Amino acid sequence: MQALIHILKAEAWPSSRDVPHWQAEARVFRGNATSRFTPAMRQKIDLERIYRRALRGLPDTIDGQPPLPVPSTCPLTLDELLAE
């Protein structure tokens, strides 16, 4: 979920000075998830539920700016999230 929150922040606040940091953090979280993922987990992962939780985890503003619109459903597949 942390990777999605960072991906969403970078999309919602693309002009923030923190975008490179968020993108780097997302890569780290995705790498950690990839190294721990097993095929047996696939059937138990509800990506849409995780995405909804990530949406709720976004702040209302960053640097006094509201977010740009982000997709209401997850635009990434599990395979895309786990890709290196």
PDB file of N, CA and C in Angstrom:
ATOM      1  N   MET A   1       0.819  -1.188   0.000  1.00  0.00           N
ATOM      2  CA  MET A   1       0.000   0.000   0.000  1.00  0.00           C
ATOM      3  C   MET A   1       0.868   1.258   0.000  1.00  0.00           C
ATOM      4  N   GLN A   2       1.993   1.220   0.682  1.00  0.00           N
ATOM      5  CA  GLN A   2       2.851   2.399   0.732  1.00  0.00           C
ATOM      6  C   GLN A   2       3.343   2.791  -0.657  1.00  0.00           C
ATOM      7  N   ALA A   3       3.639   1.803  -1.487  1.00  0.00           N
ATOM      8  CA  ALA A   3       4.076   2.120  -2.849  1.00  0.00           C
ATOM      9  C   ALA A   3       2.981   2.871  -3.585  1.00  0.00           C
ATOM     10  N   LEU A   4       1.740   2.417  -3.439  1.00  0.00           N
ATOM     11  CA  LEU A   4       0.625   3.093  -4.113  1.00  0.00           C
ATOM     12  C   LEU A   4       0.434   4.511  -3.598  1.00  0.00           C
ATOM     13  N   ILE A   5       0.562   4.715  -2.310  1.00  0.00           N
ATOM     14  CA  ILE A   5       0.418   6.071  -1.763  1.00  0.00           C
ATOM     15  C   ILE A   5       1.467   6.992  -2.367  1.00  0.00           C
ATOM     16  N   HIS A   6       2.687   6.533  -2.467  1.00  0.00           N
ATOM     17  CA  HIS A   6       3.749   7.366  -3.038  1.00  0.00           C
ATOM     18  C   HIS A   6       3.524   7.602  -4.531  1.00  0.00           C
ATOM     19  N   ILE A   7       3.083   6.589  -5.248  1.00  0.00           N
ATOM     20  CA  ILE A   7       2.761   6.755  -6.670  1.00  0.00           C
ATOM     21  C   ILE A   7       1.640   7.772  -6.833  1.00  0.00           C
ATOM     22  N   LEU A   8       0.616   7.679  -5.989  1.00  0.00           N
ATOM     23  CA  LEU A   8      -0.512   8.615  -6.060  1.00  0.00           C
ATOM     24  C   LEU A   8      -0.100  10.036  -5.716  1.00  0.00           C
ATOM     25  N   LYS A   9       0.754  10.198  -4.718  1.00  0.00           N
ATOM     26  CA  LYS A   9       1.221  11.545  -4.369  1.00  0.00           C
ATOM     27  C   LYS A   9       1.929  12.185  -5.557  1.00  0.00           C
ATOM     28  N   ALA A  10       2.798  11.424  -6.217  1.00  0.00           N
ATOM     29  CA  ALA A  10       3.536  11.965  -7.366  1.00  0.00           C
ATOM     30  C   ALA A  10       2.584  12.342  -8.495  1.00  0.00           C
ATOM     31  N   GLU A  11       1.507  11.592  -8.641  1.00  0.00           N
ATOM     32  CA  GLU A  11       0.529  11.902  -9.689  1.00  0.00           C
ATOM     33  C   GLU A  11      -0.359  13.083  -9.296  1.00  0.00           C
ATOM     34  N   ALA A  12      -0.725  13.147  -8.040  1.00  0.00           N
ATOM     35  CA  ALA A  12      -1.649  14.188  -7.581  1.00  0.00           C
ATOM     36  C   ALA A  12      -0.973  15.539  -7.370  1.00  0.00           C
ATOM     37  N   TRP A  13       0.312  15.527  -7.083  1.00  0.00           N
ATOM     38  CA  TRP A  13       1.072  16.762  -6.864  1.00  0.00           C
ATOM     39  C   TRP A  13       2.346  16.733  -7.721  1.00  0.00           C
ATOM     40  N   PRO A  14       2.213  16.721  -9.040  1.00  0.00           N
ATOM     41  CA  PRO A  14       3.384  16.534  -9.915  1.00  0.00           C
ATOM     42  C   PRO A  14       4.410  17.662  -9.856  1.00  0.00           C
ATOM     43  N   SER A  15       4.035  18.833  -9.376  1.00  0.00           N
ATOM     44  CA  SER A  15       4.999  19.933  -9.313  1.00  0.00           C
ATOM     45  C   SER A  15       5.671  20.056  -7.945  1.00  0.00           C
ATOM     46  N   SER A  16       5.358  19.150  -7.035  1.00  0.00           N
ATOM     47  CA  SER A  16       5.978  19.194  -5.713  1.00  0.00           C
ATOM     48  C   SER A  16       7.458  18.869  -5.804  1.00  0.00           C
ATOM     49  N   ARG A  17       8.244  19.525  -4.983  1.00  0.00           N
ATOM     50  CA  ARG A  17       9.679  19.244  -4.940  1.00  0.00           C
ATOM     51  C   ARG A  17       9.968  17.846  -4.403  1.00  0.00           C
ATOM     52  N   ASP A  18       8.965  17.212  -3.792  1.00  0.00           N
ATOM     53  CA  ASP A  18       9.144  15.887  -3.202  1.00  0.00           C
ATOM     54  C   ASP A  18       8.898  14.738  -4.169  1.00  0.00           C
ATOM     55  N   VAL A  19       8.505  15.026  -5.404  1.00  0.00           N
ATOM     56  CA  VAL A  19       8.198  13.960  -6.365  1.00  0.00           C
ATOM     57  C   VAL A  19       9.358  12.974  -6.535  1.00  0.00           C
ATOM     58  N   PRO A  20      10.600  13.418  -6.729  1.00  0.00           N
ATOM     59  CA  PRO A  20      11.679  12.432  -6.863  1.00  0.00           C
ATOM     60  C   PRO A  20      11.809  11.517  -5.636  1.00  0.00           C
ATOM     61  N   HIS A  21      11.604  12.075  -4.455  1.00  0.00           N
ATOM     62  CA  HIS A  21      11.663  11.269  -3.229  1.00  0.00           C
ATOM     63  C   HIS A  21      10.527  10.243  -3.220  1.00  0.00           C
ATOM     64  N   TRP A  22       9.311  10.672  -3.561  1.00  0.00           N
ATOM     65  CA  TRP A  22       8.172   9.743  -3.574  1.00  0.00           C
ATOM     66  C   TRP A  22       8.394   8.630  -4.585  1.00  0.00           C
ATOM     67  N   GLN A  23       8.925   8.971  -5.748  1.00  0.00           N
ATOM     68  CA  GLN A  23       9.178   7.961  -6.767  1.00  0.00           C
ATOM     69  C   GLN A  23      10.239   6.964  -6.297  1.00  0.00           C
ATOM     70  N   ALA A  24      11.270   7.455  -5.643  1.00  0.00           N
ATOM     71  CA  ALA A  24      12.305   6.564  -5.112  1.00  0.00           C
ATOM     72  C   ALA A  24      11.737   5.658  -4.022  1.00  0.00           C
ATOM     73  N   GLU A  25      10.935   6.222  -3.146  1.00  0.00           N
ATOM     74  CA  GLU A  25      10.315   5.420  -2.089  1.00  0.00           C
ATOM     75  C   GLU A  25       9.404   4.354  -2.690  1.00  0.00           C
ATOM     76  N   ALA A  26       8.638   4.705  -3.703  1.00  0.00           N
ATOM     77  CA  ALA A  26       7.754   3.737  -4.353  1.00  0.00           C
ATOM     78  C   ALA A  26       8.568   2.587  -4.932  1.00  0.00           C
ATOM     79  N   ARG A  27       9.716   2.901  -5.544  1.00  0.00           N
ATOM     80  CA  ARG A  27      10.578   1.845  -6.091  1.00  0.00           C
ATOM     81  C   ARG A  27      11.083   0.913  -4.985  1.00  0.00           C
ATOM     82  N   VAL A  28      11.461   1.481  -3.861  1.00  0.00           N
ATOM     83  CA  VAL A  28      11.934   0.663  -2.733  1.00  0.00           C
ATOM     84  C   VAL A  28      10.815  -0.241  -2.225  1.00  0.00           C
ATOM     85  N   PHE A  29       9.629   0.321  -2.015  1.00  0.00           N
ATOM     86  CA  PHE A  29       8.506  -0.481  -1.524  1.00  0.00           C
ATOM     87  C   PHE A  29       8.130  -1.573  -2.525  1.00  0.00           C
ATOM     88  N   ARG A  30       8.150  -1.233  -3.820  1.00  0.00           N
ATOM     89  CA  ARG A  30       7.828  -2.229  -4.842  1.00  0.00           C
ATOM     90  C   ARG A  30       8.885  -3.332  -4.866  1.00  0.00           C
ATOM     91  N   GLY A  31      10.137  -2.970  -4.745  1.00  0.00           N
ATOM     92  CA  GLY A  31      11.203  -3.977  -4.706  1.00  0.00           C
ATOM     93  C   GLY A  31      11.065  -4.907  -3.519  1.00  0.00           C
ATOM     94  N   ASN A  32      10.735  -4.349  -2.364  1.00  0.00           N
ATOM     95  CA  ASN A  32      10.526  -5.174  -1.172  1.00  0.00           C
ATOM     96  C   ASN A  32       9.348  -6.118  -1.371  1.00  0.00           C
ATOM     97  N   ALA A  33       8.270  -5.610  -1.958  1.00  0.00           N
ATOM     98  CA  ALA A  33       7.098  -6.446  -2.192  1.00  0.00           C
ATOM     99  C   ALA A  33       7.433  -7.573  -3.171  1.00  0.00           C
ATOM    100  N   THR A  34       8.175  -7.235  -4.214  1.00  0.00           N
ATOM    101  CA  THR A  34       8.547  -8.232  -5.215  1.00  0.00           C
ATOM    102  C   THR A  34       9.383  -9.347  -4.605  1.00  0.00           C
ATOM    103  N   SER A  35      10.289  -8.992  -3.724  1.00  0.00           N
ATOM    104  CA  SER A  35      11.161 -10.015  -3.137  1.00  0.00           C
ATOM    105  C   SER A  35      10.410 -10.923  -2.162  1.00  0.00           C
ATOM    106  N   ARG A  36       9.293 -10.462  -1.663  1.00  0.00           N
ATOM    107  CA  ARG A  36       8.529 -11.271  -0.704  1.00  0.00           C
ATOM    108  C   ARG A  36       7.323 -11.968  -1.328  1.00  0.00           C
ATOM    109  N   PHE A  37       6.989 -11.592  -2.543  1.00  0.00           N
ATOM    110  CA  PHE A  37       5.803 -12.132  -3.213  1.00  0.00           C
ATOM    111  C   PHE A  37       6.019 -13.579  -3.628  1.00  0.00           C
ATOM    112  N   THR A  38       4.986 -14.393  -3.404  1.00  0.00           N
ATOM    113  CA  THR A  38       4.978 -15.761  -3.923  1.00  0.00           C
ATOM    114  C   THR A  38       3.704 -15.935  -4.749  1.00  0.00           C
ATOM    115  N   PRO A  39       3.734 -16.781  -5.759  1.00  0.00           N
ATOM    116  CA  PRO A  39       2.544 -16.968  -6.594  1.00  0.00           C
ATOM    117  C   PRO A  39       1.293 -17.356  -5.799  1.00  0.00           C
ATOM    118  N   ALA A  40       1.454 -18.057  -4.702  1.00  0.00           N
ATOM    119  CA  ALA A  40       0.302 -18.462  -3.895  1.00  0.00           C
ATOM    120  C   ALA A  40      -0.423 -17.257  -3.288  1.00  0.00           C
ATOM    121  N   MET A  41       0.270 -16.132  -3.179  1.00  0.00           N
ATOM    122  CA  MET A  41      -0.348 -14.921  -2.614  1.00  0.00           C
ATOM    123  C   MET A  41      -1.331 -14.263  -3.579  1.00  0.00           C
ATOM    124  N   ARG A  42      -1.144 -14.493  -4.868  1.00  0.00           N
ATOM    125  CA  ARG A  42      -1.918 -13.788  -5.886  1.00  0.00           C
ATOM    126  C   ARG A  42      -3.427 -13.863  -5.641  1.00  0.00           C
ATOM    127  N   GLN A  43      -3.929 -15.035  -5.317  1.00  0.00           N
ATOM    128  CA  GLN A  43      -5.372 -15.198  -5.143  1.00  0.00           C
ATOM    129  C   GLN A  43      -5.907 -14.485  -3.900  1.00  0.00           C
ATOM    130  N   LYS A  44      -5.035 -14.121  -2.979  1.00  0.00           N
ATOM    131  CA  LYS A  44      -5.470 -13.467  -1.747  1.00  0.00           C
ATOM    132  C   LYS A  44      -5.333 -11.952  -1.788  1.00  0.00           C
ATOM    133  N   ILE A  45      -4.691 -11.419  -2.826  1.00  0.00           N
ATOM    134  CA  ILE A  45      -4.458  -9.984  -2.905  1.00  0.00           C
ATOM    135  C   ILE A  45      -5.630  -9.312  -3.601  1.00  0.00           C
ATOM    136  N   ASP A  46      -6.280  -8.415  -2.898  1.00  0.00           N
ATOM    137  CA  ASP A  46      -7.387  -7.625  -3.451  1.00  0.00           C
ATOM    138  C   ASP A  46      -6.834  -6.234  -3.755  1.00  0.00           C
ATOM    139  N   LEU A  47      -6.330  -6.068  -4.964  1.00  0.00           N
ATOM    140  CA  LEU A  47      -5.663  -4.832  -5.340  1.00  0.00           C
ATOM    141  C   LEU A  47      -6.592  -3.630  -5.272  1.00  0.00           C
ATOM    142  N   GLU A  48      -7.836  -3.794  -5.645  1.00  0.00           N
ATOM    143  CA  GLU A  48      -8.779  -2.666  -5.576  1.00  0.00           C
ATOM    144  C   GLU A  48      -8.994  -2.214  -4.128  1.00  0.00           C
ATOM    145  N   ARG A  49      -9.067  -3.156  -3.213  1.00  0.00           N
ATOM    146  CA  ARG A  49      -9.218  -2.809  -1.787  1.00  0.00           C
ATOM    147  C   ARG A  49      -7.978  -2.064  -1.294  1.00  0.00           C
ATOM    148  N   ILE A  50      -6.817  -2.552  -1.670  1.00  0.00           N
ATOM    149  CA  ILE A  50      -5.568  -1.902  -1.279  1.00  0.00           C
ATOM    150  C   ILE A  50      -5.510  -0.498  -1.872  1.00  0.00           C
ATOM    151  N   TYR A  51      -5.937  -0.351  -3.121  1.00  0.00           N
ATOM    152  CA  TYR A  51      -5.938   0.947  -3.779  1.00  0.00           C
ATOM    153  C   TYR A  51      -6.887   1.924  -3.070  1.00  0.00           C
ATOM    154  N   ARG A  52      -8.070   1.450  -2.705  1.00  0.00           N
ATOM    155  CA  ARG A  52      -9.018   2.322  -1.978  1.00  0.00           C
ATOM    156  C   ARG A  52      -8.405   2.799  -0.664  1.00  0.00           C
ATOM    157  N   ARG A  53      -7.698   1.916   0.027  1.00  0.00           N
ATOM    158  CA  ARG A  53      -7.028   2.311   1.275  1.00  0.00           C
ATOM    159  C   ARG A  53      -5.939   3.334   1.000  1.00  0.00           C
ATOM    160  N   ALA A  54      -5.216   3.161  -0.101  1.00  0.00           N
ATOM    161  CA  ALA A  54      -4.173   4.126  -0.469  1.00  0.00           C
ATOM    162  C   ALA A  54      -4.798   5.489  -0.771  1.00  0.00           C
ATOM    163  N   LEU A  55      -5.925   5.497  -1.470  1.00  0.00           N
ATOM    164  CA  LEU A  55      -6.621   6.763  -1.756  1.00  0.00           C
ATOM    165  C   LEU A  55      -6.999   7.473  -0.460  1.00  0.00           C
ATOM    166  N   ARG A  56      -7.503   6.711   0.497  1.00  0.00           N
ATOM    167  CA  ARG A  56      -7.880   7.309   1.784  1.00  0.00           C
ATOM    168  C   ARG A  56      -6.662   7.806   2.549  1.00  0.00           C
ATOM    169  N   GLY A  57      -5.489   7.253   2.255  1.00  0.00           N
ATOM    170  CA  GLY A  57      -4.261   7.655   2.933  1.00  0.00           C
ATOM    171  C   GLY A  57      -3.628   8.917   2.369  1.00  0.00           C
ATOM    172  N   LEU A  58      -4.152   9.420   1.261  1.00  0.00           N
ATOM    173  CA  LEU A  58      -3.592  10.648   0.694  1.00  0.00           C
ATOM    174  C   LEU A  58      -3.952  11.849   1.560  1.00  0.00           C
ATOM    175  N   PRO A  59      -3.033  12.785   1.704  1.00  0.00           N
ATOM    176  CA  PRO A  59      -3.353  14.003   2.452  1.00  0.00           C
ATOM    177  C   PRO A  59      -4.325  14.884   1.654  1.00  0.00           C
ATOM    178  N   ASP A  60      -5.006  15.777   2.347  1.00  0.00           N
ATOM    179  CA  ASP A  60      -5.933  16.693   1.684  1.00  0.00           C
ATOM    180  C   ASP A  60      -5.187  17.751   0.882  1.00  0.00           C
ATOM    181  N   THR A  61      -4.031  18.159   1.372  1.00  0.00           N
ATOM    182  CA  THR A  61      -3.206  19.138   0.674  1.00  0.00           C
ATOM    183  C   THR A  61      -1.743  18.819   0.917  1.00  0.00           C
ATOM    184  N   ILE A  62      -0.900  19.290   0.025  1.00  0.00           N
ATOM    185  CA  ILE A  62       0.550  19.265   0.208  1.00  0.00           C
ATOM    186  C   ILE A  62       1.045  20.636  -0.217  1.00  0.00           C
ATOM    187  N   ASP A  63       1.828  21.255   0.642  1.00  0.00           N
ATOM    188  CA  ASP A  63       2.319  22.617   0.385  1.00  0.00           C
ATOM    189  C   ASP A  63       1.161  23.574   0.103  1.00  0.00           C
ATOM    190  N   GLY A  64       0.030  23.342   0.766  1.00  0.00           N
ATOM    191  CA  GLY A  64      -1.132  24.202   0.601  1.00  0.00           C
ATOM    192  C   GLY A  64      -1.917  23.963  -0.669  1.00  0.00           C
ATOM    193  N   GLN A  65      -1.542  22.976  -1.453  1.00  0.00           N
ATOM    194  CA  GLN A  65      -2.208  22.698  -2.722  1.00  0.00           C
ATOM    195  C   GLN A  65      -3.074  21.446  -2.626  1.00  0.00           C
ATOM    196  N   PRO A  66      -4.319  21.515  -3.132  1.00  0.00           N
ATOM    197  CA  PRO A  66      -5.139  20.297  -3.185  1.00  0.00           C
ATOM    198  C   PRO A  66      -4.593  19.372  -4.279  1.00  0.00           C
ATOM    199  N   PRO A  67      -4.947  18.114  -4.233  1.00  0.00           N
ATOM    200  CA  PRO A  67      -4.433  17.174  -5.245  1.00  0.00           C
ATOM    201  C   PRO A  67      -5.113  17.363  -6.599  1.00  0.00           C
ATOM    202  N   LEU A  68      -4.380  17.030  -7.650  1.00  0.00           N
ATOM    203  CA  LEU A  68      -5.002  16.894  -8.960  1.00  0.00           C
ATOM    204  C   LEU A  68      -5.821  15.606  -8.925  1.00  0.00           C
ATOM    205  N   PRO A  69      -6.776  15.461  -9.818  1.00  0.00           N
ATOM    206  CA  PRO A  69      -7.566  14.218  -9.830  1.00  0.00           C
ATOM    207  C   PRO A  69      -6.688  12.991 -10.097  1.00  0.00           C
ATOM    208  N   VAL A  70      -7.012  11.927  -9.405  1.00  0.00           N
ATOM    209  CA  VAL A  70      -6.355  10.633  -9.619  1.00  0.00           C
ATOM    210  C   VAL A  70      -7.447   9.613  -9.931  1.00  0.00           C
ATOM    211  N   PRO A  71      -7.094   8.510 -10.579  1.00  0.00           N
ATOM    212  CA  PRO A  71      -8.108   7.505 -10.918  1.00  0.00           C
ATOM    213  C   PRO A  71      -8.818   6.971  -9.668  1.00  0.00           C
ATOM    214  N   SER A  72     -10.103   6.704  -9.820  1.00  0.00           N
ATOM    215  CA  SER A  72     -10.861   6.160  -8.688  1.00  0.00           C
ATOM    216  C   SER A  72     -10.663   4.655  -8.553  1.00  0.00           C
ATOM    217  N   THR A  73     -10.190   4.005  -9.606  1.00  0.00           N
ATOM    218  CA  THR A  73      -9.856   2.583  -9.542  1.00  0.00           C
ATOM    219  C   THR A  73      -8.376   2.430  -9.888  1.00  0.00           C
ATOM    220  N   CYS A  74      -7.791   1.386  -9.427  1.00  0.00           N
ATOM    221  CA  CYS A  74      -6.353   1.183  -9.592  1.00  0.00           C
ATOM    222  C   CYS A  74      -5.978   1.083 -11.070  1.00  0.00           C
ATOM    223  N   PRO A  75      -5.101   1.964 -11.542  1.00  0.00           N
ATOM    224  CA  PRO A  75      -4.702   1.943 -12.946  1.00  0.00           C
ATOM    225  C   PRO A  75      -3.605   0.918 -13.248  1.00  0.00           C
ATOM    226  N   LEU A  76      -3.109   0.244 -12.226  1.00  0.00           N
ATOM    227  CA  LEU A  76      -2.022  -0.722 -12.389  1.00  0.00           C
ATOM    228  C   LEU A  76      -2.507  -2.123 -12.058  1.00  0.00           C
ATOM    229  N   THR A  77      -1.930  -3.090 -12.724  1.00  0.00           N
ATOM    230  CA  THR A  77      -2.201  -4.479 -12.376  1.00  0.00           C
ATOM    231  C   THR A  77      -1.190  -4.926 -11.328  1.00  0.00           C
ATOM    232  N   LEU A  78      -1.445  -6.030 -10.705  1.00  0.00           N
ATOM    233  CA  LEU A  78      -0.500  -6.570  -9.739  1.00  0.00           C
ATOM    234  C   LEU A  78       0.842  -6.847 -10.421  1.00  0.00           C
ATOM    235  N   ASP A  79       0.795  -7.376 -11.630  1.00  0.00           N
ATOM    236  CA  ASP A  79       2.048  -7.663 -12.356  1.00  0.00           C
ATOM    237  C   ASP A  79       2.824  -6.378 -12.621  1.00  0.00           C
ATOM    238  N   GLU A  80       2.139  -5.296 -12.957  1.00  0.00           N
ATOM    239  CA  GLU A  80       2.813  -4.029 -13.192  1.00  0.00           C
ATOM    240  C   GLU A  80       3.454  -3.489 -11.914  1.00  0.00           C
ATOM    241  N   LEU A  81       2.758  -3.643 -10.796  1.00  0.00           N
ATOM    242  CA  LEU A  81       3.313  -3.196  -9.518  1.00  0.00           C
ATOM    243  C   LEU A  81       4.540  -4.004  -9.127  1.00  0.00           C
ATOM    244  N   LEU A  82       4.549  -5.276  -9.459  1.00  0.00           N
ATOM    245  CA  LEU A  82       5.647  -6.154  -9.068  1.00  0.00           C
ATOM    246  C   LEU A  82       6.783  -6.168 -10.069  1.00  0.00           C
ATOM    247  N   ALA A  83       6.577  -5.567 -11.229  1.00  0.00           N
ATOM    248  CA  ALA A  83       7.630  -5.525 -12.249  1.00  0.00           C
ATOM    249  C   ALA A  83       8.782  -4.662 -11.770  1.00  0.00           C
ATOM    250  N   GLU A  84       9.984  -5.068 -12.087  1.00  0.00           N
ATOM    251  CA  GLU A  84      11.154  -4.307 -11.662  1.00  0.00           C
ATOM    252  C   GLU A  84      11.552  -3.311 -12.712  1.00  0.00           C
TER     253      GLU A  84
END
